[in-house]
Amino acid sequence: MPSPLMQLQTALYSRLTGDETLAGVLTGVYDESVSEARSYPFLTVGGFDATPRNNMTKKGREIIADFHVWDDQKSFGPALTIAARIEELLDHQPLTVAGHHVVAVRHDSTRKLPDPDPTIRHVVVRFQITTEEQ
């Protein structure tokens, strides 16, 4: 079975960029490469870990997907509000991935992380996504 990662990233990007609420508060949604000249707040999609999840009849994957919220506000409040919206859009919601059946999308954790730049707020929202071949 080919890896679902590229199709999954496309589906996740479409879901997040297609939401008017999220689009109204973010300056952009990016893959892991972001220009230094960007403005805040923004979201990066990346950090996928995939492991086999096969059963007797089908091959599958367990995927951990990380979403990074970056903001330059004085508090974590706005970044956590964005993280909560990402959770609403993805947690236990159906997701179509070309060539694969998405069994489940589950919110795993939300973490506030220190950044070397004390003016930056960094929040990571992690999901566990289970897929199987169609």
C-alpha atoms as a PDB file:
ATOM      1  CA  MET A   1       0.000   0.000   0.000  1.00  0.00           C
ATOM      2  CA  PRO A   2       1.430   3.422  -0.868  1.00  0.00           C
ATOM      3  CA  SER A   3       1.827   5.806   2.034  1.00  0.00           C
ATOM      4  CA  PRO A   4      -1.164   8.071   2.665  1.00  0.00           C
ATOM      5  CA  LEU A   5       0.997  10.948   3.943  1.00  0.00           C
ATOM      6  CA  MET A   6       0.930  13.213   0.878  1.00  0.00           C
ATOM      7  CA  GLN A   7      -2.804  12.758   0.334  1.00  0.00           C
ATOM      8  CA  LEU A   8      -3.410  13.192   4.070  1.00  0.00           C
ATOM      9  CA  GLN A   9      -1.437  16.439   4.168  1.00  0.00           C
ATOM     10  CA  THR A  10      -3.474  17.710   1.200  1.00  0.00           C
ATOM     11  CA  ALA A  11      -6.774  16.803   2.898  1.00  0.00           C
ATOM     12  CA  LEU A  12      -5.745  18.428   6.184  1.00  0.00           C
ATOM     13  CA  TYR A  13      -4.534  21.575   4.432  1.00  0.00           C
ATOM     14  CA  SER A  14      -7.824  21.816   2.519  1.00  0.00           C
ATOM     15  CA  ARG A  15      -9.873  21.379   5.685  1.00  0.00           C
ATOM     16  CA  LEU A  16      -7.948  24.057   7.573  1.00  0.00           C
ATOM     17  CA  THR A  17      -7.694  26.616   4.772  1.00  0.00           C
ATOM     18  CA  GLY A  18     -11.353  26.106   3.854  1.00  0.00           C
ATOM     19  CA  ASP A  19     -12.604  27.241   7.250  1.00  0.00           C
ATOM     20  CA  GLU A  20     -13.657  30.899   7.292  1.00  0.00           C
ATOM     21  CA  THR A  21     -13.286  31.214  11.069  1.00  0.00           C
ATOM     22  CA  LEU A  22      -9.688  30.011  10.980  1.00  0.00           C
ATOM     23  CA  ALA A  23      -8.906  32.038   7.862  1.00  0.00           C
ATOM     24  CA  GLY A  24     -10.192  35.138   9.651  1.00  0.00           C
ATOM     25  CA  VAL A  25      -7.577  34.905  12.409  1.00  0.00           C
ATOM     26  CA  LEU A  26      -4.539  33.443  10.615  1.00  0.00           C
ATOM     27  CA  THR A  27      -2.212  35.160   8.175  1.00  0.00           C
ATOM     28  CA  GLY A  28      -1.556  31.809   6.507  1.00  0.00           C
ATOM     29  CA  VAL A  29      -1.318  28.031   6.669  1.00  0.00           C
ATOM     30  CA  TYR A  30       2.038  26.650   5.549  1.00  0.00           C
ATOM     31  CA  ASP A  31       3.972  23.457   5.279  1.00  0.00           C
ATOM     32  CA  GLU A  32       7.118  23.316   7.378  1.00  0.00           C
ATOM     33  CA  SER A  33       8.955  25.917   5.276  1.00  0.00           C
ATOM     34  CA  VAL A  34       7.913  29.459   6.155  1.00  0.00           C
ATOM     35  CA  SER A  35       9.389  32.726   4.972  1.00  0.00           C
ATOM     36  CA  GLU A  36      11.154  34.818   7.605  1.00  0.00           C
ATOM     37  CA  ALA A  37       9.095  37.776   6.346  1.00  0.00           C
ATOM     38  CA  ARG A  38       5.755  36.300   7.411  1.00  0.00           C
ATOM     39  CA  SER A  39       3.352  37.978   9.826  1.00  0.00           C
ATOM     40  CA  TYR A  40       1.652  36.446  12.848  1.00  0.00           C
ATOM     41  CA  PRO A  41      -0.361  34.463  13.720  1.00  0.00           C
ATOM     42  CA  PHE A  42       0.197  31.581  11.315  1.00  0.00           C
ATOM     43  CA  LEU A  43      -0.075  27.804  11.270  1.00  0.00           C
ATOM     44  CA  THR A  44       2.368  25.202  10.000  1.00  0.00           C
ATOM     45  CA  VAL A  45       1.240  21.709   9.043  1.00  0.00           C
ATOM     46  CA  GLY A  46       3.947  19.146   9.490  1.00  0.00           C
ATOM     47  CA  GLY A  47       5.657  16.637  11.610  1.00  0.00           C
ATOM     48  CA  PHE A  48       4.059  13.341  10.546  1.00  0.00           C
ATOM     49  CA  ASP A  49       5.051  10.018  12.105  1.00  0.00           C
ATOM     50  CA  ALA A  50       3.559   6.941  10.440  1.00  0.00           C
ATOM     51  CA  THR A  51       3.710   3.373  11.709  1.00  0.00           C
ATOM     52  CA  PRO A  52       2.097   0.225  10.286  1.00  0.00           C
ATOM     53  CA  ARG A  53      -1.327  -0.708  11.594  1.00  0.00           C
ATOM     54  CA  ASN A  54      -2.168  -3.866   9.704  1.00  0.00           C
ATOM     55  CA  ASN A  55      -4.840  -6.431  10.494  1.00  0.00           C
ATOM     56  CA  MET A  56      -5.660  -9.836   9.000  1.00  0.00           C
ATOM     57  CA  THR A  57      -7.348  -8.369   5.927  1.00  0.00           C
ATOM     58  CA  LYS A  58      -6.019  -4.847   5.356  1.00  0.00           C
ATOM     59  CA  LYS A  59      -2.891  -2.781   5.625  1.00  0.00           C
ATOM     60  CA  GLY A  60      -3.125   0.470   7.512  1.00  0.00           C
ATOM     61  CA  ARG A  61      -1.203   3.253   9.193  1.00  0.00           C
ATOM     62  CA  GLU A  62      -1.256   5.006  12.565  1.00  0.00           C
ATOM     63  CA  ILE A  63      -0.190   8.568  11.899  1.00  0.00           C
ATOM     64  CA  ILE A  64       0.704  11.232  14.411  1.00  0.00           C
ATOM     65  CA  ALA A  65       0.234  14.675  12.875  1.00  0.00           C
ATOM     66  CA  ASP A  66       1.436  17.895  14.483  1.00  0.00           C
ATOM     67  CA  PHE A  67       0.102  21.392  13.801  1.00  0.00           C
ATOM     68  CA  HIS A  68       2.132  24.364  15.016  1.00  0.00           C
ATOM     69  CA  VAL A  69       0.456  27.643  15.911  1.00  0.00           C
ATOM     70  CA  TRP A  70       2.831  30.629  15.995  1.00  0.00           C
ATOM     71  CA  ASP A  71       1.869  34.002  17.431  1.00  0.00           C
ATOM     72  CA  ASP A  72       3.553  37.148  18.742  1.00  0.00           C
ATOM     73  CA  GLN A  73       0.918  38.224  21.271  1.00  0.00           C
ATOM     74  CA  LYS A  74       1.869  38.857  24.905  1.00  0.00           C
ATOM     75  CA  SER A  75      -0.229  35.900  26.097  1.00  0.00           C
ATOM     76  CA  PHE A  76      -0.963  32.377  24.906  1.00  0.00           C
ATOM     77  CA  GLY A  77      -4.706  33.145  24.756  1.00  0.00           C
ATOM     78  CA  PRO A  78      -5.002  33.868  21.018  1.00  0.00           C
ATOM     79  CA  ALA A  79      -2.790  30.901  20.054  1.00  0.00           C
ATOM     80  CA  LEU A  80      -4.810  28.580  22.303  1.00  0.00           C
ATOM     81  CA  THR A  81      -8.034  29.872  20.733  1.00  0.00           C
ATOM     82  CA  ILE A  82      -6.635  28.967  17.299  1.00  0.00           C
ATOM     83  CA  ALA A  83      -5.598  25.550  18.645  1.00  0.00           C
ATOM     84  CA  ALA A  84      -9.132  24.982  19.926  1.00  0.00           C
ATOM     85  CA  ARG A  85     -10.550  25.781  16.475  1.00  0.00           C
ATOM     86  CA  ILE A  86      -8.170  23.268  14.870  1.00  0.00           C
ATOM     87  CA  GLU A  87      -9.410  20.671  17.346  1.00  0.00           C
ATOM     88  CA  GLU A  88     -13.043  21.472  16.447  1.00  0.00           C
ATOM     89  CA  LEU A  89     -12.283  21.069  12.743  1.00  0.00           C
ATOM     90  CA  LEU A  90     -10.456  17.751  13.011  1.00  0.00           C
ATOM     91  CA  ASP A  91     -11.257  15.815  16.198  1.00  0.00           C
ATOM     92  CA  HIS A  92     -13.644  12.931  15.447  1.00  0.00           C
ATOM     93  CA  GLN A  93     -14.555  14.527  12.113  1.00  0.00           C
ATOM     94  CA  PRO A  94     -14.753  12.598   8.821  1.00  0.00           C
ATOM     95  CA  LEU A  95     -11.835  13.158   6.482  1.00  0.00           C
ATOM     96  CA  THR A  96     -11.510  12.064   2.856  1.00  0.00           C
ATOM     97  CA  VAL A  97      -8.029  10.951   1.787  1.00  0.00           C
ATOM     98  CA  ALA A  98      -7.600   9.782  -1.809  1.00  0.00           C
ATOM     99  CA  GLY A  99      -6.954   6.041  -1.993  1.00  0.00           C
ATOM    100  CA  HIS A 100      -7.368   5.467   1.749  1.00  0.00           C
ATOM    101  CA  HIS A 101     -10.124   5.088   4.290  1.00  0.00           C
ATOM    102  CA  VAL A 102      -9.708   7.285   7.372  1.00  0.00           C
ATOM    103  CA  VAL A 103     -10.879   5.170  10.288  1.00  0.00           C
ATOM    104  CA  ALA A 104     -10.482   7.838  12.953  1.00  0.00           C
ATOM    105  CA  VAL A 105      -9.070  11.287  13.668  1.00  0.00           C
ATOM    106  CA  ARG A 106      -8.494  11.831  17.385  1.00  0.00           C
ATOM    107  CA  HIS A 107      -7.073  14.824  19.233  1.00  0.00           C
ATOM    108  CA  ASP A 108      -4.065  13.587  21.183  1.00  0.00           C
ATOM    109  CA  SER A 109      -2.700  16.676  22.923  1.00  0.00           C
ATOM    110  CA  THR A 110      -2.223  20.419  22.920  1.00  0.00           C
ATOM    111  CA  ARG A 111       1.083  21.748  24.244  1.00  0.00           C
ATOM    112  CA  LYS A 112       2.402  25.237  24.928  1.00  0.00           C
ATOM    113  CA  LEU A 113       6.113  25.266  24.123  1.00  0.00           C
ATOM    114  CA  PRO A 114       8.795  27.759  25.043  1.00  0.00           C
ATOM    115  CA  ASP A 115      10.452  29.471  22.099  1.00  0.00           C
ATOM    116  CA  PRO A 116      14.022  30.806  22.062  1.00  0.00           C
ATOM    117  CA  ASP A 117      12.490  34.160  21.151  1.00  0.00           C
ATOM    118  CA  PRO A 118      10.550  35.242  24.260  1.00  0.00           C
ATOM    119  CA  THR A 119       8.135  37.310  22.141  1.00  0.00           C
ATOM    120  CA  ILE A 120       6.858  34.237  20.264  1.00  0.00           C
ATOM    121  CA  ARG A 121       4.053  31.963  21.468  1.00  0.00           C
ATOM    122  CA  HIS A 122       4.203  28.382  20.133  1.00  0.00           C
ATOM    123  CA  VAL A 123       1.374  25.867  20.576  1.00  0.00           C
ATOM    124  CA  VAL A 124       1.470  22.342  19.138  1.00  0.00           C
ATOM    125  CA  VAL A 125      -1.792  20.491  18.475  1.00  0.00           C
ATOM    126  CA  ARG A 126      -1.305  16.752  17.919  1.00  0.00           C
ATOM    127  CA  PHE A 127      -3.710  14.264  16.342  1.00  0.00           C
ATOM    128  CA  GLN A 128      -3.670  10.508  15.936  1.00  0.00           C
ATOM    129  CA  ILE A 129      -5.048   9.524  12.538  1.00  0.00           C
ATOM    130  CA  THR A 130      -5.795   5.913  11.651  1.00  0.00           C
ATOM    131  CA  THR A 131      -6.021   4.908   7.974  1.00  0.00           C
ATOM    132  CA  GLU A 132      -6.450   1.676   6.093  1.00  0.00           C
ATOM    133  CA  GLU A 133      -6.257   0.717   2.448  1.00  0.00           C
ATOM    134  CA  GLN A 134      -9.442   0.908   0.405  1.00  0.00           C
END
